[in-house]
Amino acid sequence: MTLKETLYKNALKAIEEIYVNSKYDPDVDLYRSFDIMNSVNENQIKNKEWLVDTLLPYIDQDKLKHVVILGSWYGLLSVMLQPKLSSDIEIRNVDSDKQTLMFGRKLIQDMDVDNIVFEEDDAGEYFFEKSDKFQLIINTSCEHMEQDDLSLIISMKPRDTLICFQGNNYDSIQSHINTHDSLESFVDSLGLYKVYHSETLEMENYNRYMVIGI
């Protein structure tokens, strides 16, 4: 079974569990079913493949021991990145929504991914306490974070710690509080010491930006 097939199988199992539980518990959030489906849709897969393929040439696996994905949602990126890295490199998913972490663990059932970890915490607060632990910081949802928090994360990290951040210009969603009209605007907002790569991925309704640097 391929990675995608396993993901879809596990997503359907998780959705079935939500539906069954909803028959007996009125507090079950049925919207979570749509959220899980959305987390593994075609656009999400495409975006994560783009990130992994672009990021890999800039990773020094001899020096890489700990990766953190801030605002990790259901952990799809960690699942797609993990096979490309050495098995002794830990990938830590951090999200403030404990439900995403619970179902994220269900999505990786039957996968050999012992080095993938899930933690519930605010992305900014979590990093502030562990700013020197990680050699690679990934955030694919900068549009959900305050600019001051992103700037503080970058200023606190060691100079040679690699980052891969993504944002977009999709400002019609209320929770998107930090969008940018262009790739250049997004790059400038990060204030990196050195930019190794910046690129735009054109989606159906918006543009997604990615920046890799230190």
Protein backbone atom coordinates (compact mmCIF):
# COMPACT_ATOMS: atom_id res chain seq x y z
CA MET A 1 0.00 0.00 0.00
CA THR A 2 1.37 3.42 -0.97
CA LEU A 3 1.76 6.32 1.44
CA LYS A 4 -1.25 8.10 -0.03
CA GLU A 5 -3.39 4.97 0.11
CA THR A 6 -2.50 4.45 3.77
CA LEU A 7 -3.27 8.09 4.55
CA TYR A 8 -6.67 7.92 2.85
CA LYS A 9 -7.49 4.60 4.55
CA ASN A 10 -6.63 5.99 7.97
CA ALA A 11 -8.50 9.24 7.26
CA LEU A 12 -11.65 7.27 6.40
CA LYS A 13 -11.27 5.25 9.61
CA ALA A 14 -10.97 8.45 11.64
CA ILE A 15 -14.05 9.93 9.94
CA GLU A 16 -16.00 6.73 10.58
CA GLU A 17 -15.03 6.91 14.24
CA ILE A 18 -16.29 10.49 14.47
CA TYR A 19 -19.60 9.54 12.85
CA VAL A 20 -20.17 6.53 15.11
CA ASN A 21 -19.32 8.51 18.23
CA SER A 22 -21.64 11.34 17.17
CA LYS A 23 -24.63 8.98 17.40
CA TYR A 24 -24.06 8.63 21.13
CA ASP A 25 -22.36 11.88 22.08
CA PRO A 26 -23.99 15.18 21.05
CA ASP A 27 -20.77 17.04 21.79
CA VAL A 28 -18.85 15.32 18.99
CA ASP A 29 -17.77 17.89 16.39
CA LEU A 30 -18.94 16.58 13.02
CA TYR A 31 -17.10 19.41 11.26
CA ARG A 32 -13.92 17.57 12.22
CA SER A 33 -14.74 15.03 9.49
CA PHE A 34 -14.55 17.70 6.80
CA ASP A 35 -11.39 19.09 8.39
CA ILE A 36 -9.66 15.70 8.21
CA MET A 37 -10.70 15.23 4.58
CA ASN A 38 -9.43 18.71 3.78
CA SER A 39 -6.08 17.99 5.44
CA VAL A 40 -5.27 15.24 2.91
CA ASN A 41 -6.90 16.72 -0.18
CA GLU A 42 -5.16 17.14 -3.54
CA ASN A 43 -3.99 20.69 -2.82
CA GLN A 44 -2.53 19.73 0.56
CA ILE A 45 -0.64 16.80 -0.97
CA LYS A 46 0.60 18.97 -3.84
CA ASN A 47 1.81 21.69 -1.49
CA LYS A 48 3.62 19.28 0.83
CA GLU A 49 5.30 17.49 -2.09
CA TRP A 50 6.47 20.87 -3.39
CA LEU A 51 7.90 21.76 0.00
CA VAL A 52 9.70 18.46 0.54
CA ASP A 53 11.20 18.31 -2.95
CA THR A 54 12.39 21.92 -2.74
CA LEU A 55 13.69 21.75 0.83
CA LEU A 56 15.74 18.55 0.66
CA PRO A 57 18.77 19.97 -1.24
CA TYR A 58 19.26 22.55 1.54
CA ILE A 59 19.25 20.00 4.41
CA ASP A 60 22.53 18.74 5.86
CA GLN A 61 21.40 15.42 7.31
CA ASP A 62 24.73 14.89 9.06
CA LYS A 63 23.96 17.89 11.27
CA LEU A 64 20.19 17.52 11.46
CA LYS A 65 18.85 15.86 14.62
CA HIS A 66 15.59 17.66 15.46
CA VAL A 67 12.94 19.17 13.18
CA VAL A 68 9.95 21.14 14.44
CA ILE A 69 6.81 21.83 12.43
CA LEU A 70 4.94 24.74 14.02
CA GLY A 71 1.19 24.79 13.47
CA SER A 72 1.39 21.24 12.18
CA TRP A 73 -2.38 20.59 11.87
CA TYR A 74 -2.81 16.81 11.34
CA GLY A 75 0.87 16.19 10.63
CA LEU A 76 0.68 15.47 6.90
CA LEU A 77 3.98 17.21 6.20
CA SER A 78 5.82 15.14 8.81
CA VAL A 79 4.54 11.94 7.18
CA MET A 80 5.75 13.04 3.74
CA LEU A 81 9.10 14.36 4.99
CA GLN A 82 9.96 11.41 7.23
CA PRO A 83 10.83 8.85 4.48
CA LYS A 84 13.33 11.33 3.00
CA LEU A 85 15.29 11.74 6.25
CA SER A 86 17.45 9.46 8.34
CA SER A 87 15.40 7.41 10.81
CA ASP A 88 17.26 8.91 13.79
CA ILE A 89 16.07 12.45 12.96
CA GLU A 90 13.11 13.41 15.15
CA ILE A 91 10.22 15.32 13.55
CA ARG A 92 8.08 17.12 16.12
CA ASN A 93 4.56 18.32 15.24
CA VAL A 94 3.35 21.20 17.43
CA ASP A 95 -0.22 22.51 17.34
CA SER A 96 -2.50 24.17 19.89
CA ASP A 97 -5.52 22.08 18.80
CA LYS A 98 -5.30 18.78 20.68
CA GLN A 99 -7.91 17.23 18.38
CA THR A 100 -5.62 17.64 15.37
CA LEU A 101 -2.88 15.83 17.27
CA MET A 102 -5.18 13.01 18.35
CA PHE A 103 -6.37 12.40 14.81
CA GLY A 104 -2.88 13.04 13.45
CA ARG A 105 -1.72 10.00 15.42
CA LYS A 106 -4.54 8.00 13.85
CA LEU A 107 -3.44 9.06 10.35
CA ILE A 108 -0.01 7.49 10.86
CA GLN A 109 -1.30 4.13 12.05
CA ASP A 110 0.42 1.16 10.38
CA MET A 111 3.34 3.35 9.31
CA ASP A 112 6.94 2.91 10.42
CA VAL A 113 7.25 6.44 11.78
CA ASP A 114 8.51 6.09 15.35
CA ASN A 115 10.48 9.32 15.00
CA ILE A 116 7.33 11.42 14.45
CA VAL A 117 6.12 13.10 17.66
CA PHE A 118 2.99 15.16 18.39
CA GLU A 119 2.82 17.88 21.04
CA GLU A 120 0.00 20.21 22.06
CA ASP A 121 1.17 23.78 22.57
CA ASP A 122 1.03 27.28 21.17
CA ALA A 123 3.62 27.37 18.38
CA GLY A 124 5.25 30.60 19.50
CA GLU A 125 5.36 29.78 23.20
CA TYR A 126 6.67 26.29 22.49
CA PHE A 127 9.54 27.58 20.39
CA PHE A 128 10.49 30.32 22.83
CA GLU A 129 11.26 27.65 25.44
CA LYS A 130 13.25 25.46 23.02
CA SER A 131 14.76 27.92 20.57
CA ASP A 132 18.16 26.20 20.42
CA LYS A 133 16.91 22.59 20.15
CA PHE A 134 16.03 22.45 16.46
CA GLN A 135 18.21 22.60 13.37
CA LEU A 136 15.21 22.97 11.04
CA ILE A 137 12.05 24.99 11.69
CA ILE A 138 9.06 24.62 9.38
CA ASN A 139 5.88 26.65 9.41
CA THR A 140 3.42 26.18 6.55
CA SER A 141 0.73 28.38 8.09
CA CYS A 142 2.34 31.78 8.67
CA GLU A 143 -0.93 33.38 7.60
CA HIS A 144 -2.42 32.18 10.92
CA MET A 145 0.29 33.77 13.10
CA GLU A 146 0.94 37.31 14.21
CA GLN A 147 3.88 38.88 12.38
CA ASP A 148 5.52 39.84 15.69
CA ASP A 149 5.55 36.17 16.76
CA LEU A 150 7.13 35.07 13.47
CA SER A 151 9.76 37.79 13.73
CA LEU A 152 10.54 36.80 17.32
CA ILE A 153 10.97 33.14 16.36
CA ILE A 154 13.43 34.10 13.63
CA SER A 155 15.35 36.47 15.91
CA MET A 156 15.64 33.86 18.68
CA LYS A 157 16.84 30.93 16.59
CA PRO A 158 20.57 30.24 16.19
CA ARG A 159 21.97 31.96 13.08
CA ASP A 160 22.61 28.70 11.18
CA THR A 161 19.23 27.11 11.95
CA LEU A 162 17.42 26.57 8.66
CA ILE A 163 13.83 27.72 8.28
CA CYS A 164 11.19 26.88 5.71
CA PHE A 165 8.17 29.16 6.03
CA GLN A 166 5.07 29.39 3.88
CA GLY A 167 2.43 32.10 3.59
CA ASN A 168 -0.18 33.14 1.07
CA ASN A 169 -2.41 35.91 -0.27
CA TYR A 170 -5.65 34.11 0.63
CA ASP A 171 -7.16 36.92 2.70
CA SER A 172 -10.83 35.94 2.36
CA ILE A 173 -10.56 33.53 5.31
CA GLN A 174 -11.13 35.18 8.68
CA SER A 175 -8.42 33.21 10.48
CA HIS A 176 -5.81 34.36 7.92
CA ILE A 177 -4.54 37.34 9.89
CA ASN A 178 -1.15 37.69 8.19
CA THR A 179 -1.39 37.45 4.42
CA HIS A 180 0.86 39.08 1.80
CA ASP A 181 0.12 40.50 -1.63
CA SER A 182 3.33 39.15 -3.16
CA LEU A 183 6.24 36.80 -2.63
CA GLU A 184 8.56 39.79 -2.24
CA SER A 185 6.40 41.15 0.58
CA PHE A 186 6.48 37.79 2.36
CA VAL A 187 10.26 37.51 1.99
CA ASP A 188 10.77 41.04 3.34
CA SER A 189 8.50 40.38 6.32
CA LEU A 190 10.74 37.56 7.54
CA GLY A 191 13.93 39.63 7.63
CA LEU A 192 16.23 36.64 7.15
CA TYR A 193 20.02 36.87 7.26
CA LYS A 194 20.25 34.88 4.02
CA VAL A 195 17.52 33.64 1.65
CA TYR A 196 18.43 30.43 -0.16
CA HIS A 197 15.17 29.96 -2.05
CA SER A 198 11.88 31.78 -2.55
CA GLU A 199 9.08 30.67 -4.83
CA THR A 200 5.37 30.98 -5.55
CA LEU A 201 3.04 28.05 -6.10
CA GLU A 202 -0.09 29.13 -7.98
CA MET A 203 -3.19 27.45 -6.59
CA GLU A 204 -6.75 27.70 -7.93
CA ASN A 205 -7.89 30.56 -5.68
CA TYR A 206 -4.68 31.99 -4.27
CA ASN A 207 -0.89 31.99 -4.39
CA ARG A 208 1.19 30.14 -1.82
CA TYR A 209 4.67 31.46 -1.03
CA MET A 210 7.66 29.54 0.30
CA VAL A 211 10.93 30.87 1.66
CA ILE A 212 13.97 28.83 2.74
CA GLY A 213 16.87 30.50 4.49
CA ILE A 214 18.65 31.27 7.73
